[in-house]
Amino acid sequence: MSLDVQFKVIFYSFLYGMFYIYTYNLLRKIPSKSKLVLIIFECIFCFSHLGLFYYLLYLINKGIITA
């Protein structure tokens, strides 16, 4: 992986972390009467963010997985 791509990935990871924290705080402000509903929402939230994060990393790295 070239140095340019590594800097892009690090910068993107930082920005995405800030986005994740902001959206997680919004999720926590949603009132819920049931713990089960809250757990389901958090699981969906985490898996959707995880998928989006890795998909965007895939686009930055042009689909090349290197060690």
Protein backbone atom coordinates (compact mmCIF):
# COMPACT_ATOMS: atom_id res chain seq x y z
CA MET A 1 0.00 0.00 0.00
CA SER A 2 1.46 3.33 -0.98
CA LEU A 3 2.09 6.09 1.52
CA ASP A 4 -0.54 8.28 -0.12
CA VAL A 5 -3.23 5.64 0.35
CA GLN A 6 -2.16 5.09 3.96
CA PHE A 7 -2.59 8.80 4.73
CA LYS A 8 -6.02 8.76 3.07
CA VAL A 9 -7.08 5.78 5.16
CA ILE A 10 -5.85 7.34 8.42
CA PHE A 11 -7.58 10.66 7.65
CA TYR A 12 -10.78 8.90 6.62
CA SER A 13 -10.74 6.75 9.77
CA PHE A 14 -10.44 9.86 11.94
CA LEU A 15 -13.32 11.62 10.17
CA TYR A 16 -15.48 8.52 10.27
CA GLY A 17 -14.79 8.15 13.99
CA MET A 18 -16.07 11.68 14.54
CA PHE A 19 -19.17 10.90 12.45
CA TYR A 20 -19.73 7.69 14.43
CA ILE A 21 -19.53 9.47 17.78
CA TYR A 22 -21.98 12.16 16.61
CA THR A 23 -24.52 9.64 15.29
CA TYR A 24 -24.14 7.42 18.37
CA ASN A 25 -24.95 10.38 20.61
CA LEU A 26 -28.05 11.01 18.50
CA LEU A 27 -29.05 7.35 18.87
CA ARG A 28 -28.69 7.53 22.65
CA LYS A 29 -31.07 10.52 22.77
CA ILE A 30 -33.94 8.48 21.31
CA PRO A 31 -36.24 7.57 24.20
CA SER A 32 -37.06 3.89 24.53
CA LYS A 33 -39.35 2.17 27.01
CA SER A 34 -37.96 -1.30 26.38
CA LYS A 35 -34.38 -2.46 26.83
CA LEU A 36 -34.89 -5.06 24.10
CA VAL A 37 -35.81 -2.42 21.53
CA LEU A 38 -32.78 -0.37 22.55
CA ILE A 39 -30.47 -3.37 22.17
CA ILE A 40 -31.92 -4.18 18.73
CA PHE A 41 -31.48 -0.56 17.59
CA GLU A 42 -27.88 -0.50 18.83
CA CYS A 43 -27.06 -3.76 17.02
CA ILE A 44 -28.54 -2.48 13.76
CA PHE A 45 -26.72 0.83 14.24
CA CYS A 46 -23.35 -0.82 14.89
CA PHE A 47 -23.60 -3.32 12.03
CA SER A 48 -24.70 -0.65 9.56
CA HIS A 49 -21.82 1.62 10.58
CA LEU A 50 -19.37 -1.26 10.41
CA GLY A 51 -20.53 -2.18 6.91
CA LEU A 52 -20.41 1.43 5.72
CA PHE A 53 -16.94 1.97 7.19
CA TYR A 54 -15.44 -1.08 5.50
CA TYR A 55 -17.22 -0.38 2.22
CA LEU A 56 -15.79 3.13 2.09
CA LEU A 57 -12.33 1.79 2.99
CA TYR A 58 -12.76 -0.66 0.12
CA LEU A 59 -13.49 2.25 -2.22
CA ILE A 60 -10.48 4.25 -1.00
CA ASN A 61 -8.15 1.29 -1.41
CA LYS A 62 -9.61 0.49 -4.85
CA GLY A 63 -10.54 -3.02 -3.73
CA ILE A 64 -6.97 -4.12 -3.09
CA ILE A 65 -6.41 -5.89 0.21
CA THR A 66 -2.73 -5.83 1.14
CA ALA A 67 -0.83 -6.68 4.27
